[in-house]
């Protein structure tokens, strides 16, 4: 079974592009754009192992989403992208998170 990562972002096209750009990684990607979608994804998929949040969302919304995620799934790491790299920085950020947090540890477990 592939690890599941929840991507949260404001722009649907950016999210689709990120998932397409990272399809080489052995990850199942889920997307969410607002509070209701985040809750629905967390409730529907118990195997979410990490969360990557984009910078397009307002800080108040990002803070609220962090609270929602932490209250429902305190076991998850929530990675919040910087704003300086813009929408084009989302895929490289998500790749770094997955490669360092999930794939690196998986390789160590196998060795």
PDB file of N, CA and C in Angstrom:
ATOM      1  N   UNK A   1       0.841  -1.176   0.000  1.00  0.00           N
ATOM      2  CA  UNK A   1       0.000   0.000   0.000  1.00  0.00           C
ATOM      3  C   UNK A   1       0.893   1.249   0.000  1.00  0.00           C
ATOM      4  N   UNK A   2       0.537   2.197  -0.834  1.00  0.00           N
ATOM      5  CA  UNK A   2       1.309   3.437  -0.920  1.00  0.00           C
ATOM      6  C   UNK A   2       0.912   4.399   0.196  1.00  0.00           C
ATOM      7  N   UNK A   3       1.885   5.133   0.744  1.00  0.00           N
ATOM      8  CA  UNK A   3       1.557   6.140   1.750  1.00  0.00           C
ATOM      9  C   UNK A   3       0.646   7.204   1.150  1.00  0.00           C
ATOM     10  N   UNK A   4      -0.190   7.797   1.977  1.00  0.00           N
ATOM     11  CA  UNK A   4      -1.153   8.805   1.540  1.00  0.00           C
ATOM     12  C   UNK A   4      -0.741  10.159   2.100  1.00  0.00           C
ATOM     13  N   UNK A   5      -0.719  11.168   1.218  1.00  0.00           N
ATOM     14  CA  UNK A   5      -0.405  12.541   1.613  1.00  0.00           C
ATOM     15  C   UNK A   5      -1.579  13.425   1.222  1.00  0.00           C
ATOM     16  N   UNK A   6      -2.021  14.254   2.151  1.00  0.00           N
ATOM     17  CA  UNK A   6      -3.082  15.221   1.888  1.00  0.00           C
ATOM     18  C   UNK A   6      -2.459  16.552   1.506  1.00  0.00           C
ATOM     19  N   UNK A   7      -2.735  17.007   0.284  1.00  0.00           N
ATOM     20  CA  UNK A   7      -2.284  18.320  -0.193  1.00  0.00           C
ATOM     21  C   UNK A   7      -3.424  19.304  -0.019  1.00  0.00           C
ATOM     22  N   UNK A   8      -3.139  20.417   0.625  1.00  0.00           N
ATOM     23  CA  UNK A   8      -4.162  21.440   0.837  1.00  0.00           C
ATOM     24  C   UNK A   8      -3.706  22.708   0.135  1.00  0.00           C
ATOM     25  N   UNK A   9      -4.581  23.240  -0.711  1.00  0.00           N
ATOM     26  CA  UNK A   9      -4.238  24.460  -1.418  1.00  0.00           C
ATOM     27  C   UNK A   9      -5.469  25.182  -1.922  1.00  0.00           C
ATOM     28  N   UNK A  10      -5.275  26.435  -2.256  1.00  0.00           N
ATOM     29  CA  UNK A  10      -6.385  27.288  -2.689  1.00  0.00           C
ATOM     30  C   UNK A  10      -6.726  27.079  -4.152  1.00  0.00           C
ATOM     31  N   UNK A  11      -5.742  26.826  -4.999  1.00  0.00           N
ATOM     32  CA  UNK A  11      -5.955  26.787  -6.438  1.00  0.00           C
ATOM     33  C   UNK A  11      -6.029  25.350  -6.956  1.00  0.00           C
ATOM     34  N   UNK A  12      -7.194  24.925  -7.459  1.00  0.00           N
ATOM     35  CA  UNK A  12      -7.336  23.547  -7.953  1.00  0.00           C
ATOM     36  C   UNK A  12      -6.333  23.194  -9.052  1.00  0.00           C
ATOM     37  N   UNK A  13      -6.042  24.128  -9.953  1.00  0.00           N
ATOM     38  CA  UNK A  13      -5.090  23.831 -11.028  1.00  0.00           C
ATOM     39  C   UNK A  13      -3.699  23.565 -10.484  1.00  0.00           C
ATOM     40  N   UNK A  14      -3.287  24.320  -9.484  1.00  0.00           N
ATOM     41  CA  UNK A  14      -1.974  24.099  -8.869  1.00  0.00           C
ATOM     42  C   UNK A  14      -1.937  22.711  -8.251  1.00  0.00           C
ATOM     43  N   UNK A  15      -2.992  22.329  -7.570  1.00  0.00           N
ATOM     44  CA  UNK A  15      -3.034  21.018  -6.929  1.00  0.00           C
ATOM     45  C   UNK A  15      -2.957  19.899  -7.971  1.00  0.00           C
ATOM     46  N   UNK A  16      -3.714  20.022  -9.048  1.00  0.00           N
ATOM     47  CA  UNK A  16      -3.667  19.003 -10.118  1.00  0.00           C
ATOM     48  C   UNK A  16      -2.267  18.932 -10.724  1.00  0.00           C
ATOM     49  N   UNK A  17      -1.665  20.087 -10.972  1.00  0.00           N
ATOM     50  CA  UNK A  17      -0.317  20.119 -11.554  1.00  0.00           C
ATOM     51  C   UNK A  17       0.706  19.485 -10.618  1.00  0.00           C
ATOM     52  N   UNK A  18       0.583  19.754  -9.335  1.00  0.00           N
ATOM     53  CA  UNK A  18       1.507  19.179  -8.354  1.00  0.00           C
ATOM     54  C   UNK A  18       1.388  17.655  -8.357  1.00  0.00           C
ATOM     55  N   UNK A  19       0.163  17.166  -8.304  1.00  0.00           N
ATOM     56  CA  UNK A  19      -0.046  15.716  -8.296  1.00  0.00           C
ATOM     57  C   UNK A  19       0.511  15.097  -9.571  1.00  0.00           C
ATOM     58  N   UNK A  20       0.278  15.746 -10.704  1.00  0.00           N
ATOM     59  CA  UNK A  20       0.802  15.237 -11.979  1.00  0.00           C
ATOM     60  C   UNK A  20       2.333  15.270 -11.986  1.00  0.00           C
ATOM     61  N   UNK A  21       2.916  16.355 -11.506  1.00  0.00           N
ATOM     62  CA  UNK A  21       4.376  16.498 -11.503  1.00  0.00           C
ATOM     63  C   UNK A  21       5.056  15.486 -10.581  1.00  0.00           C
ATOM     64  N   UNK A  22       4.353  15.042  -9.547  1.00  0.00           N
ATOM     65  CA  UNK A  22       4.942  14.136  -8.557  1.00  0.00           C
ATOM     66  C   UNK A  22       4.470  12.698  -8.711  1.00  0.00           C
ATOM     67  N   UNK A  23       3.895  12.371  -9.859  1.00  0.00           N
ATOM     68  CA  UNK A  23       3.369  11.023 -10.036  1.00  0.00           C
ATOM     69  C   UNK A  23       4.458   9.951 -10.045  1.00  0.00           C
ATOM     70  N   UNK A  24       5.724  10.358 -10.170  1.00  0.00           N
ATOM     71  CA  UNK A  24       6.817   9.385 -10.119  1.00  0.00           C
ATOM     72  C   UNK A  24       7.061   8.868  -8.705  1.00  0.00           C
ATOM     73  N   UNK A  25       6.566   9.576  -7.696  1.00  0.00           N
ATOM     74  CA  UNK A  25       6.752   9.142  -6.306  1.00  0.00           C
ATOM     75  C   UNK A  25       5.722   8.077  -5.943  1.00  0.00           C
ATOM     76  N   UNK A  26       6.086   7.119  -5.120  1.00  0.00           N
ATOM     77  CA  UNK A  26       5.154   6.058  -4.733  1.00  0.00           C
ATOM     78  C   UNK A  26       4.209   6.528  -3.614  1.00  0.00           C
ATOM     79  N   UNK A  27       3.424   7.551  -3.936  1.00  0.00           N
ATOM     80  CA  UNK A  27       2.539   8.195  -2.971  1.00  0.00           C
ATOM     81  C   UNK A  27       1.138   8.265  -3.553  1.00  0.00           C
ATOM     82  N   UNK A  28       0.133   8.085  -2.705  1.00  0.00           N
ATOM     83  CA  UNK A  28      -1.248   8.375  -3.101  1.00  0.00           C
ATOM     84  C   UNK A  28      -1.543   9.793  -2.617  1.00  0.00           C
ATOM     85  N   UNK A  29      -1.898  10.660  -3.534  1.00  0.00           N
ATOM     86  CA  UNK A  29      -2.155  12.064  -3.212  1.00  0.00           C
ATOM     87  C   UNK A  29      -3.647  12.309  -3.095  1.00  0.00           C
ATOM     88  N   UNK A  30      -4.036  13.031  -2.056  1.00  0.00           N
ATOM     89  CA  UNK A  30      -5.403  13.507  -1.911  1.00  0.00           C
ATOM     90  C   UNK A  30      -5.347  15.027  -1.909  1.00  0.00           C
ATOM     91  N   UNK A  31      -6.379  15.674  -2.409  1.00  0.00           N
ATOM     92  CA  UNK A  31      -6.402  17.126  -2.429  1.00  0.00           C
ATOM     93  C   UNK A  31      -7.576  17.673  -1.646  1.00  0.00           C
ATOM     94  N   UNK A  32      -7.381  18.877  -1.113  1.00  0.00           N
ATOM     95  CA  UNK A  32      -8.453  19.587  -0.413  1.00  0.00           C
ATOM     96  C   UNK A  32      -8.218  21.082  -0.578  1.00  0.00           C
ATOM     97  N   UNK A  33      -9.312  21.834  -0.642  1.00  0.00           N
ATOM     98  CA  UNK A  33      -9.223  23.276  -0.866  1.00  0.00           C
ATOM     99  C   UNK A  33      -9.799  24.114   0.269  1.00  0.00           C
ATOM    100  N   UNK A  34     -10.563  23.475   1.163  1.00  0.00           N
ATOM    101  CA  UNK A  34     -11.169  24.225   2.259  1.00  0.00           C
ATOM    102  C   UNK A  34     -11.408  23.305   3.460  1.00  0.00           C
ATOM    103  N   UNK A  35     -11.955  23.877   4.516  1.00  0.00           N
ATOM    104  CA  UNK A  35     -12.170  23.154   5.779  1.00  0.00           C
ATOM    105  C   UNK A  35     -13.003  21.888   5.583  1.00  0.00           C
ATOM    106  N   UNK A  36     -14.125  22.024   4.865  1.00  0.00           N
ATOM    107  CA  UNK A  36     -15.008  20.870   4.674  1.00  0.00           C
ATOM    108  C   UNK A  36     -14.315  19.743   3.920  1.00  0.00           C
ATOM    109  N   UNK A  37     -13.533  20.089   2.891  1.00  0.00           N
ATOM    110  CA  UNK A  37     -12.824  19.061   2.139  1.00  0.00           C
ATOM    111  C   UNK A  37     -11.731  18.402   2.980  1.00  0.00           C
ATOM    112  N   UNK A  38     -11.056  19.183   3.805  1.00  0.00           N
ATOM    113  CA  UNK A  38     -10.036  18.618   4.687  1.00  0.00           C
ATOM    114  C   UNK A  38     -10.672  17.597   5.629  1.00  0.00           C
ATOM    115  N   UNK A  39     -11.767  17.981   6.245  1.00  0.00           N
ATOM    116  CA  UNK A  39     -12.459  17.074   7.169  1.00  0.00           C
ATOM    117  C   UNK A  39     -12.931  15.820   6.432  1.00  0.00           C
ATOM    118  N   UNK A  40     -13.509  16.002   5.251  1.00  0.00           N
ATOM    119  CA  UNK A  40     -14.004  14.864   4.483  1.00  0.00           C
ATOM    120  C   UNK A  40     -12.862  13.910   4.114  1.00  0.00           C
ATOM    121  N   UNK A  41     -11.734  14.443   3.699  1.00  0.00           N
ATOM    122  CA  UNK A  41     -10.594  13.590   3.327  1.00  0.00           C
ATOM    123  C   UNK A  41     -10.047  12.850   4.541  1.00  0.00           C
ATOM    124  N   UNK A  42      -9.912  13.536   5.670  1.00  0.00           N
ATOM    125  CA  UNK A  42      -9.397  12.879   6.871  1.00  0.00           C
ATOM    126  C   UNK A  42     -10.348  11.795   7.370  1.00  0.00           C
ATOM    127  N   UNK A  43     -11.651  12.065   7.270  1.00  0.00           N
ATOM    128  CA  UNK A  43     -12.635  11.076   7.710  1.00  0.00           C
ATOM    129  C   UNK A  43     -12.706   9.881   6.761  1.00  0.00           C
ATOM    130  N   UNK A  44     -12.530  10.128   5.472  1.00  0.00           N
ATOM    131  CA  UNK A  44     -12.659   9.060   4.474  1.00  0.00           C
ATOM    132  C   UNK A  44     -11.401   8.206   4.335  1.00  0.00           C
ATOM    133  N   UNK A  45     -10.251   8.780   4.648  1.00  0.00           N
ATOM    134  CA  UNK A  45      -8.984   8.078   4.420  1.00  0.00           C
ATOM    135  C   UNK A  45      -8.158   8.017   5.702  1.00  0.00           C
ATOM    136  N   UNK A  46      -8.283   6.946   6.471  1.00  0.00           N
ATOM    137  CA  UNK A  46      -7.543   6.833   7.728  1.00  0.00           C
ATOM    138  C   UNK A  46      -6.037   6.642   7.536  1.00  0.00           C
ATOM    139  N   UNK A  47      -5.599   6.355   6.299  1.00  0.00           N
ATOM    140  CA  UNK A  47      -4.184   6.101   6.050  1.00  0.00           C
ATOM    141  C   UNK A  47      -3.386   7.340   5.667  1.00  0.00           C
ATOM    142  N   UNK A  48      -3.978   8.532   5.811  1.00  0.00           N
ATOM    143  CA  UNK A  48      -3.205   9.755   5.570  1.00  0.00           C
ATOM    144  C   UNK A  48      -2.036   9.748   6.549  1.00  0.00           C
ATOM    145  N   UNK A  49      -0.836   9.938   6.021  1.00  0.00           N
ATOM    146  CA  UNK A  49       0.360   9.901   6.860  1.00  0.00           C
ATOM    147  C   UNK A  49       1.034  11.251   7.013  1.00  0.00           C
ATOM    148  N   UNK A  50       0.646  12.228   6.172  1.00  0.00           N
ATOM    149  CA  UNK A  50       1.274  13.537   6.247  1.00  0.00           C
ATOM    150  C   UNK A  50       0.384  14.552   5.529  1.00  0.00           C
ATOM    151  N   UNK A  51       0.569  15.822   5.886  1.00  0.00           N
ATOM    152  CA  UNK A  51      -0.195  16.913   5.278  1.00  0.00           C
ATOM    153  C   UNK A  51       0.783  17.961   4.768  1.00  0.00           C
ATOM    154  N   UNK A  52       0.547  18.417   3.526  1.00  0.00           N
ATOM    155  CA  UNK A  52       1.330  19.504   2.941  1.00  0.00           C
ATOM    156  C   UNK A  52       0.349  20.613   2.584  1.00  0.00           C
ATOM    157  N   UNK A  53       0.567  21.792   3.173  1.00  0.00           N
ATOM    158  CA  UNK A  53      -0.342  22.917   2.978  1.00  0.00           C
ATOM    159  C   UNK A  53       0.346  24.013   2.176  1.00  0.00           C
ATOM    160  N   UNK A  54      -0.345  24.476   1.131  1.00  0.00           N
ATOM    161  CA  UNK A  54       0.184  25.531   0.281  1.00  0.00           C
ATOM    162  C   UNK A  54       0.107  26.902   0.922  1.00  0.00           C
ATOM    163  N   UNK A  55       0.698  27.861   0.235  1.00  0.00           N
ATOM    164  CA  UNK A  55       0.787  29.224   0.757  1.00  0.00           C
ATOM    165  C   UNK A  55      -0.301  30.140   0.236  1.00  0.00           C
ATOM    166  N   UNK A  56      -1.142  29.659  -0.675  1.00  0.00           N
ATOM    167  CA  UNK A  56      -2.172  30.506  -1.254  1.00  0.00           C
ATOM    168  C   UNK A  56      -3.319  30.826  -0.313  1.00  0.00           C
ATOM    169  N   UNK A  57      -3.436  30.064   0.745  1.00  0.00           N
ATOM    170  CA  UNK A  57      -4.511  30.293   1.713  1.00  0.00           C
ATOM    171  C   UNK A  57      -4.129  31.408   2.680  1.00  0.00           C
ATOM    172  N   UNK A  58      -5.109  32.161   3.098  1.00  0.00           N
ATOM    173  CA  UNK A  58      -4.919  33.216   4.089  1.00  0.00           C
ATOM    174  C   UNK A  58      -4.407  32.612   5.403  1.00  0.00           C
ATOM    175  N   UNK A  59      -3.604  33.376   6.131  1.00  0.00           N
ATOM    176  CA  UNK A  59      -3.032  32.869   7.386  1.00  0.00           C
ATOM    177  C   UNK A  59      -4.093  32.421   8.386  1.00  0.00           C
ATOM    178  N   UNK A  60      -5.202  33.151   8.467  1.00  0.00           N
ATOM    179  CA  UNK A  60      -6.260  32.768   9.406  1.00  0.00           C
ATOM    180  C   UNK A  60      -6.844  31.409   9.022  1.00  0.00           C
ATOM    181  N   UNK A  61      -7.014  31.182   7.729  1.00  0.00           N
ATOM    182  CA  UNK A  61      -7.542  29.898   7.259  1.00  0.00           C
ATOM    183  C   UNK A  61      -6.519  28.793   7.498  1.00  0.00           C
ATOM    184  N   UNK A  62      -5.248  29.078   7.222  1.00  0.00           N
ATOM    185  CA  UNK A  62      -4.225  28.065   7.475  1.00  0.00           C
ATOM    186  C   UNK A  62      -4.196  27.704   8.953  1.00  0.00           C
ATOM    187  N   UNK A  63      -4.282  28.695   9.810  1.00  0.00           N
ATOM    188  CA  UNK A  63      -4.299  28.429  11.252  1.00  0.00           C
ATOM    189  C   UNK A  63      -5.495  27.590  11.662  1.00  0.00           C
ATOM    190  N   UNK A  64      -6.656  27.914  11.113  1.00  0.00           N
ATOM    191  CA  UNK A  64      -7.857  27.137  11.422  1.00  0.00           C
ATOM    192  C   UNK A  64      -7.705  25.693  10.948  1.00  0.00           C
ATOM    193  N   UNK A  65      -7.175  25.517   9.738  1.00  0.00           N
ATOM    194  CA  UNK A  65      -7.001  24.168   9.207  1.00  0.00           C
ATOM    195  C   UNK A  65      -6.003  23.359  10.034  1.00  0.00           C
ATOM    196  N   UNK A  66      -4.939  23.999  10.484  1.00  0.00           N
ATOM    197  CA  UNK A  66      -3.979  23.314  11.349  1.00  0.00           C
ATOM    198  C   UNK A  66      -4.679  22.835  12.613  1.00  0.00           C
ATOM    199  N   UNK A  67      -5.524  23.680  13.191  1.00  0.00           N
ATOM    200  CA  UNK A  67      -6.279  23.290  14.381  1.00  0.00           C
ATOM    201  C   UNK A  67      -7.225  22.132  14.120  1.00  0.00           C
ATOM    202  N   UNK A  68      -7.923  22.170  12.990  1.00  0.00           N
ATOM    203  CA  UNK A  68      -8.853  21.093  12.625  1.00  0.00           C
ATOM    204  C   UNK A  68      -8.091  19.780  12.452  1.00  0.00           C
ATOM    205  N   UNK A  69      -6.990  19.830  11.722  1.00  0.00           N
ATOM    206  CA  UNK A  69      -6.208  18.614  11.474  1.00  0.00           C
ATOM    207  C   UNK A  69      -5.639  18.073  12.779  1.00  0.00           C
ATOM    208  N   UNK A  70      -5.057  18.948  13.578  1.00  0.00           N
ATOM    209  CA  UNK A  70      -4.439  18.516  14.838  1.00  0.00           C
ATOM    210  C   UNK A  70      -5.474  17.927  15.802  1.00  0.00           C
ATOM    211  N   UNK A  71      -6.681  18.453  15.804  1.00  0.00           N
ATOM    212  CA  UNK A  71      -7.696  17.922  16.717  1.00  0.00           C
ATOM    213  C   UNK A  71      -8.218  16.565  16.252  1.00  0.00           C
ATOM    214  N   UNK A  72      -8.281  16.354  14.941  1.00  0.00           N
ATOM    215  CA  UNK A  72      -8.779  15.091  14.404  1.00  0.00           C
ATOM    216  C   UNK A  72      -7.690  14.026  14.295  1.00  0.00           C
ATOM    217  N   UNK A  73      -6.477  14.469  13.956  1.00  0.00           N
ATOM    218  CA  UNK A  73      -5.371  13.542  13.732  1.00  0.00           C
ATOM    219  C   UNK A  73      -4.083  14.099  14.341  1.00  0.00           C
ATOM    220  N   UNK A  74      -3.949  14.047  15.660  1.00  0.00           N
ATOM    221  CA  UNK A  74      -2.753  14.591  16.307  1.00  0.00           C
ATOM    222  C   UNK A  74      -1.462  13.844  15.945  1.00  0.00           C
ATOM    223  N   UNK A  75      -1.586  12.719  15.262  1.00  0.00           N
ATOM    224  CA  UNK A  75      -0.416  11.936  14.856  1.00  0.00           C
ATOM    225  C   UNK A  75       0.231  12.453  13.574  1.00  0.00           C
ATOM    226  N   UNK A  76      -0.412  13.366  12.864  1.00  0.00           N
ATOM    227  CA  UNK A  76       0.082  13.818  11.564  1.00  0.00           C
ATOM    228  C   UNK A  76       1.044  14.993  11.672  1.00  0.00           C
ATOM    229  N   UNK A  77       2.059  14.971  10.824  1.00  0.00           N
ATOM    230  CA  UNK A  77       2.915  16.140  10.639  1.00  0.00           C
ATOM    231  C   UNK A  77       2.241  17.039   9.610  1.00  0.00           C
ATOM    232  N   UNK A  78       2.220  18.332   9.881  1.00  0.00           N
ATOM    233  CA  UNK A  78       1.621  19.307   8.973  1.00  0.00           C
ATOM    234  C   UNK A  78       2.739  20.215   8.489  1.00  0.00           C
ATOM    235  N   UNK A  79       2.983  20.193   7.190  1.00  0.00           N
ATOM    236  CA  UNK A  79       4.061  20.978   6.587  1.00  0.00           C
ATOM    237  C   UNK A  79       3.439  22.171   5.865  1.00  0.00           C
ATOM    238  N   UNK A  80       3.868  23.379   6.229  1.00  0.00           N
ATOM    239  CA  UNK A  80       3.300  24.604   5.681  1.00  0.00           C
ATOM    240  C   UNK A  80       4.336  25.267   4.780  1.00  0.00           C
ATOM    241  N   UNK A  81       3.970  25.435   3.509  1.00  0.00           N
ATOM    242  CA  UNK A  81       4.870  25.998   2.509  1.00  0.00           C
ATOM    243  C   UNK A  81       5.026  27.501   2.696  1.00  0.00           C
ATOM    244  N   UNK A  82       6.217  27.999   2.354  1.00  0.00           N
ATOM    245  CA  UNK A  82       6.473  29.438   2.386  1.00  0.00           C
ATOM    246  C   UNK A  82       5.736  30.127   1.238  1.00  0.00           C
ATOM    247  N   UNK A  83       5.600  31.436   1.327  1.00  0.00           N
ATOM    248  CA  UNK A  83       4.947  32.192   0.257  1.00  0.00           C
ATOM    249  C   UNK A  83       5.938  32.664  -0.801  1.00  0.00           C
ATOM    250  N   UNK A  84       7.199  32.814  -0.434  1.00  0.00           N
ATOM    251  CA  UNK A  84       8.187  33.406  -1.335  1.00  0.00           C
ATOM    252  C   UNK A  84       8.376  32.608  -2.615  1.00  0.00           C
ATOM    253  N   UNK A  85       8.234  31.296  -2.571  1.00  0.00           N
ATOM    254  CA  UNK A  85       8.475  30.478  -3.765  1.00  0.00           C
ATOM    255  C   UNK A  85       7.292  30.447  -4.720  1.00  0.00           C
ATOM    256  N   UNK A  86       6.154  31.009  -4.327  1.00  0.00           N
ATOM    257  CA  UNK A  86       4.996  31.085  -5.203  1.00  0.00           C
ATOM    258  C   UNK A  86       4.393  29.725  -5.526  1.00  0.00           C
ATOM    259  N   UNK A  87       3.358  29.721  -6.381  1.00  0.00           N
ATOM    260  CA  UNK A  87       2.700  28.465  -6.738  1.00  0.00           C
ATOM    261  C   UNK A  87       3.646  27.440  -7.360  1.00  0.00           C
ATOM    262  N   UNK A  88       4.642  27.907  -8.093  1.00  0.00           N
ATOM    263  CA  UNK A  88       5.599  26.984  -8.723  1.00  0.00           C
ATOM    264  C   UNK A  88       6.445  26.241  -7.691  1.00  0.00           C
ATOM    265  N   UNK A  89       6.507  26.741  -6.479  1.00  0.00           N
ATOM    266  CA  UNK A  89       7.301  26.101  -5.439  1.00  0.00           C
ATOM    267  C   UNK A  89       6.587  24.980  -4.709  1.00  0.00           C
ATOM    268  N   UNK A  90       5.300  24.776  -4.991  1.00  0.00           N
ATOM    269  CA  UNK A  90       4.534  23.755  -4.266  1.00  0.00           C
ATOM    270  C   UNK A  90       5.037  22.341  -4.553  1.00  0.00           C
ATOM    271  N   UNK A  91       5.246  22.000  -5.807  1.00  0.00           N
ATOM    272  CA  UNK A  91       5.701  20.636  -6.138  1.00  0.00           C
ATOM    273  C   UNK A  91       7.085  20.343  -5.547  1.00  0.00           C
ATOM    274  N   UNK A  92       8.071  21.237  -5.707  1.00  0.00           N
ATOM    275  CA  UNK A  92       9.370  20.952  -5.081  1.00  0.00           C
ATOM    276  C   UNK A  92       9.279  20.827  -3.556  1.00  0.00           C
ATOM    277  N   UNK A  93       8.436  21.662  -2.937  1.00  0.00           N
ATOM    278  CA  UNK A  93       8.255  21.595  -1.486  1.00  0.00           C
ATOM    279  C   UNK A  93       7.659  20.243  -1.092  1.00  0.00           C
ATOM    280  N   UNK A  94       6.584  19.836  -1.777  1.00  0.00           N
ATOM    281  CA  UNK A  94       5.942  18.555  -1.465  1.00  0.00           C
ATOM    282  C   UNK A  94       6.906  17.390  -1.702  1.00  0.00           C
ATOM    283  N   UNK A  95       7.699  17.480  -2.751  1.00  0.00           N
ATOM    284  CA  UNK A  95       8.685  16.429  -3.037  1.00  0.00           C
ATOM    285  C   UNK A  95       9.697  16.326  -1.893  1.00  0.00           C
ATOM    286  N   UNK A  96      10.219  17.469  -1.437  1.00  0.00           N
ATOM    287  CA  UNK A  96      11.194  17.448  -0.333  1.00  0.00           C
ATOM    288  C   UNK A  96      10.582  16.845   0.925  1.00  0.00           C
ATOM    289  N   UNK A  97       9.345  17.212   1.219  1.00  0.00           N
ATOM    290  CA  UNK A  97       8.676  16.678   2.408  1.00  0.00           C
ATOM    291  C   UNK A  97       8.560  15.161   2.303  1.00  0.00           C
ATOM    292  N   UNK A  98       8.042  14.690   1.196  1.00  0.00           N
ATOM    293  CA  UNK A  98       7.821  13.250   1.027  1.00  0.00           C
ATOM    294  C   UNK A  98       9.132  12.481   1.011  1.00  0.00           C
ATOM    295  N   UNK A  99      10.111  12.984   0.258  1.00  0.00           N
ATOM    296  CA  UNK A  99      11.380  12.256   0.174  1.00  0.00           C
ATOM    297  C   UNK A  99      12.108  12.218   1.511  1.00  0.00           C
ATOM    298  N   UNK A 100      12.061  13.294   2.256  1.00  0.00           N
ATOM    299  CA  UNK A 100      12.791  13.310   3.531  1.00  0.00           C
ATOM    300  C   UNK A 100      12.008  12.644   4.657  1.00  0.00           C
ATOM    301  N   UNK A 101      10.700  12.849   4.694  1.00  0.00           N
ATOM    302  CA  UNK A 101       9.912  12.343   5.812  1.00  0.00           C
ATOM    303  C   UNK A 101       9.434  10.909   5.620  1.00  0.00           C
ATOM    304  N   UNK A 102       9.005  10.571   4.423  1.00  0.00           N
ATOM    305  CA  UNK A 102       8.346   9.293   4.236  1.00  0.00           C
ATOM    306  C   UNK A 102       9.219   8.275   3.512  1.00  0.00           C
ATOM    307  N   UNK A 103       9.792   8.642   2.411  1.00  0.00           N
ATOM    308  CA  UNK A 103      10.546   7.675   1.620  1.00  0.00           C
ATOM    309  C   UNK A 103      11.886   7.352   2.256  1.00  0.00           C
ATOM    310  N   UNK A 104      12.533   8.338   2.861  1.00  0.00           N
ATOM    311  CA  UNK A 104      13.808   8.106   3.544  1.00  0.00           C
ATOM    312  C   UNK A 104      13.625   7.082   4.664  1.00  0.00           C
ATOM    313  N   UNK A 105      12.604   7.272   5.482  1.00  0.00           N
ATOM    314  CA  UNK A 105      12.374   6.357   6.601  1.00  0.00           C
ATOM    315  C   UNK A 105      11.984   4.977   6.111  1.00  0.00           C
ATOM    316  N   UNK A 106      11.235   4.924   5.021  1.00  0.00           N
ATOM    317  CA  UNK A 106      10.846   3.627   4.468  1.00  0.00           C
ATOM    318  C   UNK A 106      12.088   2.862   4.010  1.00  0.00           C
ATOM    319  N   UNK A 107      13.032   3.553   3.363  1.00  0.00           N
ATOM    320  CA  UNK A 107      14.265   2.893   2.931  1.00  0.00           C
ATOM    321  C   UNK A 107      15.059   2.404   4.134  1.00  0.00           C
ATOM    322  N   UNK A 108      15.083   3.181   5.215  1.00  0.00           N
ATOM    323  CA  UNK A 108      15.819   2.751   6.403  1.00  0.00           C
ATOM    324  C   UNK A 108      15.180   1.526   7.042  1.00  0.00           C
ATOM    325  N   UNK A 109      13.836   1.453   7.020  1.00  0.00           N
ATOM    326  CA  UNK A 109      13.145   0.312   7.599  1.00  0.00           C
ATOM    327  C   UNK A 109      13.450  -0.972   6.841  1.00  0.00           C
ATOM    328  N   UNK A 110      13.654  -0.863   5.540  1.00  0.00           N
ATOM    329  CA  UNK A 110      13.908  -2.038   4.707  1.00  0.00           C
ATOM    330  C   UNK A 110      15.339  -2.529   4.898  1.00  0.00           C
ATOM    331  N   UNK A 111      16.255  -1.613   5.108  1.00  0.00           N
ATOM    332  CA  UNK A 111      17.683  -1.968   5.196  1.00  0.00           C
ATOM    333  C   UNK A 111      18.003  -2.792   6.426  1.00  0.00           C
TER     334      UNK A 111
END
